[in-house]
């Protein structure tokens, strides 16, 4: 299974690029580069959704018992994206309120 994952990354299945984007989003979040982290997390979430949109689980890429793990993976990427975007929106709102006060 690991070899298939690596090969799919190399041949360009977009969903697997979500993992490096997710990793970079976490690193940038730790480095307090919120905007970059939010953008990378959103990209990772969209790439992860492409896995289901391409219907890869039904083409033999995953066994039935692993589909729950796929949905947990997609959900975790979406939660990170929502969290980082929400935090950036709150920061933007604070700056806007500071300018008008």
N, C-alpha and C. Protein backbone atom coordinates (compact mmCIF):
# COMPACT_ATOMS: atom_id res chain seq x y z
N UNK A 1 0.82 -1.19 0.00
CA UNK A 1 0.00 0.00 0.00
C UNK A 1 0.87 1.26 0.00
N UNK A 2 1.96 1.25 0.72
CA UNK A 2 2.83 2.42 0.77
C UNK A 2 3.45 2.73 -0.58
N UNK A 3 3.82 1.69 -1.30
CA UNK A 3 4.38 1.88 -2.64
C UNK A 3 3.36 2.49 -3.58
N UNK A 4 2.10 2.07 -3.46
CA UNK A 4 1.04 2.65 -4.29
C UNK A 4 0.86 4.13 -3.97
N UNK A 5 0.93 4.46 -2.68
CA UNK A 5 0.78 5.86 -2.28
C UNK A 5 1.91 6.71 -2.86
N UNK A 6 3.13 6.22 -2.76
CA UNK A 6 4.27 6.96 -3.30
C UNK A 6 4.16 7.09 -4.81
N UNK A 7 3.78 6.01 -5.47
CA UNK A 7 3.64 6.05 -6.93
C UNK A 7 2.55 7.02 -7.35
N UNK A 8 1.45 7.05 -6.59
CA UNK A 8 0.37 7.96 -6.95
C UNK A 8 0.79 9.41 -6.75
N UNK A 9 1.64 9.66 -5.79
CA UNK A 9 2.15 11.02 -5.60
C UNK A 9 3.02 11.42 -6.79
N UNK A 10 3.81 10.50 -7.24
CA UNK A 10 4.72 10.78 -8.35
C UNK A 10 3.95 10.97 -9.65
N UNK A 11 2.93 10.13 -9.90
CA UNK A 11 2.20 10.25 -11.17
C UNK A 11 1.15 11.34 -11.15
N UNK A 12 0.92 11.95 -10.02
CA UNK A 12 0.12 13.16 -10.00
C UNK A 12 -1.32 13.04 -9.59
N UNK A 13 -1.66 12.11 -8.71
CA UNK A 13 -3.02 12.12 -8.18
C UNK A 13 -3.08 13.25 -7.16
N UNK A 14 -3.92 14.26 -7.41
CA UNK A 14 -3.88 15.48 -6.61
C UNK A 14 -4.14 15.29 -5.12
N UNK A 15 -4.93 14.29 -4.75
CA UNK A 15 -5.26 14.13 -3.33
C UNK A 15 -4.03 13.88 -2.47
N UNK A 16 -3.02 13.24 -3.02
CA UNK A 16 -1.84 12.95 -2.20
C UNK A 16 -1.00 14.19 -1.95
N UNK A 17 -1.16 15.22 -2.76
CA UNK A 17 -0.45 16.47 -2.51
C UNK A 17 -1.04 17.21 -1.32
N UNK A 18 -2.19 16.76 -0.82
CA UNK A 18 -2.78 17.37 0.37
C UNK A 18 -1.89 17.16 1.59
N UNK A 19 -1.21 16.03 1.67
CA UNK A 19 -0.38 15.74 2.84
C UNK A 19 0.80 16.71 2.99
N UNK A 20 1.58 16.98 1.94
CA UNK A 20 2.64 17.98 2.11
C UNK A 20 2.10 19.38 2.37
N UNK A 21 0.96 19.72 1.75
CA UNK A 21 0.35 21.03 2.00
C UNK A 21 -0.11 21.14 3.46
N UNK A 22 -0.67 20.07 3.98
CA UNK A 22 -1.10 20.02 5.38
C UNK A 22 0.10 20.19 6.31
N UNK A 23 1.16 19.47 6.01
CA UNK A 23 2.37 19.56 6.82
C UNK A 23 2.92 20.99 6.82
N UNK A 24 3.00 21.60 5.65
CA UNK A 24 3.49 22.98 5.56
C UNK A 24 2.56 23.96 6.27
N UNK A 25 1.26 23.73 6.21
CA UNK A 25 0.31 24.59 6.91
C UNK A 25 0.55 24.55 8.42
N UNK A 26 0.82 23.37 8.94
CA UNK A 26 1.10 23.25 10.37
C UNK A 26 2.41 23.95 10.72
N UNK A 27 3.43 23.77 9.90
CA UNK A 27 4.72 24.42 10.16
C UNK A 27 4.57 25.94 10.13
N UNK A 28 3.88 26.48 9.12
CA UNK A 28 3.69 27.92 9.04
C UNK A 28 2.82 28.43 10.18
N UNK A 29 1.89 27.63 10.63
CA UNK A 29 1.06 28.03 11.77
C UNK A 29 1.91 28.14 13.03
N UNK A 30 2.80 27.19 13.23
CA UNK A 30 3.71 27.24 14.39
C UNK A 30 4.65 28.43 14.31
N UNK A 31 5.01 28.81 13.09
CA UNK A 31 5.91 29.95 12.89
C UNK A 31 5.16 31.29 12.89
N UNK A 32 3.88 31.24 13.18
CA UNK A 32 3.02 32.43 13.26
C UNK A 32 2.90 33.16 11.93
N UNK A 33 2.89 32.42 10.86
CA UNK A 33 2.62 32.96 9.52
C UNK A 33 1.21 32.53 9.15
N UNK A 34 0.24 33.15 9.79
CA UNK A 34 -1.15 32.70 9.71
C UNK A 34 -1.75 32.72 8.33
N UNK A 35 -1.48 33.78 7.57
CA UNK A 35 -2.09 33.86 6.23
C UNK A 35 -1.60 32.74 5.32
N UNK A 36 -0.31 32.51 5.34
CA UNK A 36 0.26 31.45 4.51
C UNK A 36 -0.29 30.10 4.97
N UNK A 37 -0.35 29.90 6.28
CA UNK A 37 -0.86 28.64 6.82
C UNK A 37 -2.32 28.43 6.43
N UNK A 38 -3.13 29.48 6.48
CA UNK A 38 -4.54 29.36 6.11
C UNK A 38 -4.71 29.01 4.64
N UNK A 39 -3.91 29.63 3.80
CA UNK A 39 -3.98 29.33 2.36
C UNK A 39 -3.56 27.88 2.10
N UNK A 40 -2.48 27.46 2.71
CA UNK A 40 -2.01 26.08 2.51
C UNK A 40 -3.02 25.06 3.06
N UNK A 41 -3.63 25.38 4.19
CA UNK A 41 -4.63 24.47 4.76
C UNK A 41 -5.86 24.38 3.86
N UNK A 42 -6.27 25.50 3.29
CA UNK A 42 -7.41 25.47 2.37
C UNK A 42 -7.07 24.66 1.12
N UNK A 43 -5.87 24.82 0.61
CA UNK A 43 -5.44 24.04 -0.55
C UNK A 43 -5.42 22.56 -0.20
N UNK A 44 -4.91 22.22 0.98
CA UNK A 44 -4.87 20.82 1.41
C UNK A 44 -6.28 20.24 1.51
N UNK A 45 -7.21 21.02 2.07
CA UNK A 45 -8.59 20.53 2.20
C UNK A 45 -9.23 20.30 0.83
N UNK A 46 -8.99 21.21 -0.10
CA UNK A 46 -9.55 21.05 -1.44
C UNK A 46 -8.93 19.86 -2.17
N UNK A 47 -7.62 19.69 -2.01
CA UNK A 47 -6.96 18.54 -2.64
C UNK A 47 -7.47 17.23 -2.05
N UNK A 48 -7.71 17.21 -0.75
CA UNK A 48 -8.22 15.99 -0.12
C UNK A 48 -9.62 15.66 -0.63
N UNK A 49 -10.43 16.68 -0.85
CA UNK A 49 -11.77 16.44 -1.39
C UNK A 49 -11.71 15.90 -2.81
N UNK A 50 -10.65 16.20 -3.53
CA UNK A 50 -10.53 15.70 -4.89
C UNK A 50 -10.43 14.18 -4.91
N UNK A 51 -10.01 13.58 -3.81
CA UNK A 51 -9.93 12.12 -3.73
C UNK A 51 -11.30 11.50 -3.93
N UNK A 52 -12.29 12.06 -3.25
CA UNK A 52 -13.65 11.55 -3.40
C UNK A 52 -14.25 11.98 -4.72
N UNK A 53 -13.94 13.18 -5.19
CA UNK A 53 -14.51 13.66 -6.44
C UNK A 53 -14.03 12.83 -7.63
N UNK A 54 -12.79 12.35 -7.55
CA UNK A 54 -12.25 11.50 -8.62
C UNK A 54 -12.77 10.07 -8.52
N UNK A 55 -13.51 9.77 -7.43
CA UNK A 55 -14.10 8.45 -7.22
C UNK A 55 -13.05 7.35 -7.15
N UNK A 56 -11.90 7.67 -6.58
CA UNK A 56 -10.83 6.68 -6.49
C UNK A 56 -11.15 5.50 -5.57
N UNK A 57 -11.90 5.71 -4.45
CA UNK A 57 -12.20 4.54 -3.62
C UNK A 57 -12.96 3.45 -4.38
N UNK A 58 -13.81 3.83 -5.32
CA UNK A 58 -14.59 2.85 -6.07
C UNK A 58 -13.83 2.27 -7.25
N UNK A 59 -12.63 2.74 -7.49
CA UNK A 59 -11.83 2.21 -8.58
C UNK A 59 -10.74 1.27 -8.07
N UNK A 60 -10.88 0.82 -6.83
CA UNK A 60 -9.95 -0.16 -6.30
C UNK A 60 -8.77 0.43 -5.55
N UNK A 61 -8.78 1.73 -5.29
CA UNK A 61 -7.66 2.34 -4.58
C UNK A 61 -7.73 2.09 -3.08
N UNK A 62 -8.91 1.82 -2.58
CA UNK A 62 -9.05 1.60 -1.15
C UNK A 62 -9.96 0.41 -0.92
N UNK A 63 -9.74 -0.28 0.16
CA UNK A 63 -10.64 -1.35 0.56
C UNK A 63 -11.79 -0.74 1.34
N UNK A 64 -12.90 -1.44 1.43
CA UNK A 64 -14.08 -0.90 2.10
C UNK A 64 -13.79 -0.52 3.55
N UNK A 65 -13.02 -1.29 4.24
CA UNK A 65 -12.78 -1.02 5.66
C UNK A 65 -11.91 0.22 5.86
N UNK A 66 -11.26 0.70 4.81
CA UNK A 66 -10.41 1.88 4.94
C UNK A 66 -11.15 3.17 4.59
N UNK A 67 -12.37 3.09 4.11
CA UNK A 67 -13.07 4.30 3.72
C UNK A 67 -13.32 5.22 4.90
N UNK A 68 -13.56 4.68 6.09
CA UNK A 68 -13.76 5.51 7.26
C UNK A 68 -12.51 6.33 7.53
N UNK A 69 -11.37 5.72 7.39
CA UNK A 69 -10.11 6.44 7.57
C UNK A 69 -9.95 7.57 6.57
N UNK A 70 -10.40 7.34 5.36
CA UNK A 70 -10.34 8.38 4.33
C UNK A 70 -11.18 9.58 4.74
N UNK A 71 -12.39 9.31 5.24
CA UNK A 71 -13.25 10.41 5.66
C UNK A 71 -12.70 11.14 6.88
N UNK A 72 -12.08 10.42 7.78
CA UNK A 72 -11.45 11.06 8.94
C UNK A 72 -10.29 11.94 8.48
N UNK A 73 -9.52 11.47 7.52
CA UNK A 73 -8.40 12.25 6.96
C UNK A 73 -8.91 13.53 6.31
N UNK A 74 -9.95 13.41 5.48
CA UNK A 74 -10.51 14.59 4.82
C UNK A 74 -11.05 15.56 5.85
N UNK A 75 -11.76 15.05 6.86
CA UNK A 75 -12.33 15.91 7.89
C UNK A 75 -11.25 16.62 8.69
N UNK A 76 -10.16 15.95 8.99
CA UNK A 76 -9.09 16.59 9.75
C UNK A 76 -8.47 17.75 8.97
N UNK A 77 -8.34 17.58 7.66
CA UNK A 77 -7.80 18.66 6.84
C UNK A 77 -8.77 19.84 6.79
N UNK A 78 -10.06 19.55 6.73
CA UNK A 78 -11.05 20.62 6.69
C UNK A 78 -11.13 21.35 8.02
N UNK A 79 -10.99 20.64 9.12
CA UNK A 79 -11.01 21.28 10.44
C UNK A 79 -9.83 22.23 10.58
N UNK A 80 -8.66 21.81 10.16
CA UNK A 80 -7.49 22.69 10.23
C UNK A 80 -7.71 23.94 9.37
N UNK A 81 -8.23 23.76 8.17
CA UNK A 81 -8.46 24.90 7.28
C UNK A 81 -9.47 25.86 7.90
N UNK A 82 -10.57 25.34 8.41
CA UNK A 82 -11.59 26.21 9.03
C UNK A 82 -11.02 26.95 10.23
N UNK A 83 -10.24 26.26 11.04
CA UNK A 83 -9.64 26.88 12.22
C UNK A 83 -8.71 28.02 11.83
N UNK A 84 -7.82 27.78 10.88
CA UNK A 84 -6.86 28.81 10.50
C UNK A 84 -7.52 29.98 9.79
N UNK A 85 -8.50 29.71 8.95
CA UNK A 85 -9.22 30.79 8.27
C UNK A 85 -10.00 31.62 9.29
N UNK A 86 -10.63 30.96 10.26
CA UNK A 86 -11.37 31.67 11.30
C UNK A 86 -10.45 32.57 12.12
N UNK A 87 -9.29 32.05 12.50
CA UNK A 87 -8.34 32.87 13.27
C UNK A 87 -7.86 34.08 12.47
N UNK A 88 -7.61 33.90 11.19
CA UNK A 88 -7.18 35.02 10.35
C UNK A 88 -8.30 36.04 10.19
N UNK A 89 -9.54 35.56 10.07
CA UNK A 89 -10.66 36.48 9.97
C UNK A 89 -10.81 37.29 11.24
N UNK A 90 -10.65 36.65 12.40
CA UNK A 90 -10.74 37.37 13.68
C UNK A 90 -9.63 38.41 13.80
N UNK A 91 -8.43 38.09 13.38
CA UNK A 91 -7.33 39.07 13.40
C UNK A 91 -7.64 40.24 12.48
N UNK A 92 -8.17 39.96 11.29
CA UNK A 92 -8.52 41.02 10.35
C UNK A 92 -9.60 41.91 10.94
N UNK A 93 -10.58 41.30 11.59
CA UNK A 93 -11.67 42.07 12.20
C UNK A 93 -11.16 42.96 13.33
N UNK A 94 -10.23 42.45 14.13
CA UNK A 94 -9.64 43.27 15.20
C UNK A 94 -8.90 44.46 14.61
N UNK A 95 -8.16 44.25 13.54
CA UNK A 95 -7.46 45.37 12.90
C UNK A 95 -8.43 46.39 12.35
N UNK A 96 -9.53 45.93 11.77
CA UNK A 96 -10.52 46.86 11.23
C UNK A 96 -11.20 47.66 12.33
N UNK A 97 -11.50 47.03 13.43
CA UNK A 97 -12.12 47.73 14.56
C UNK A 97 -11.14 48.70 15.19
N UNK A 98 -9.86 48.35 15.19
CA UNK A 98 -8.84 49.25 15.73
C UNK A 98 -8.69 50.49 14.87
N UNK A 99 -8.87 50.35 13.57
CA UNK A 99 -8.75 51.50 12.65
C UNK A 99 -9.94 52.44 12.76
N UNK A 100 -11.12 51.91 13.04
CA UNK A 100 -12.31 52.74 13.10
C UNK A 100 -12.53 53.36 14.47
N UNK A 101 -11.87 52.85 15.49
CA UNK A 101 -12.08 53.39 16.85
C UNK A 101 -11.33 54.66 17.07
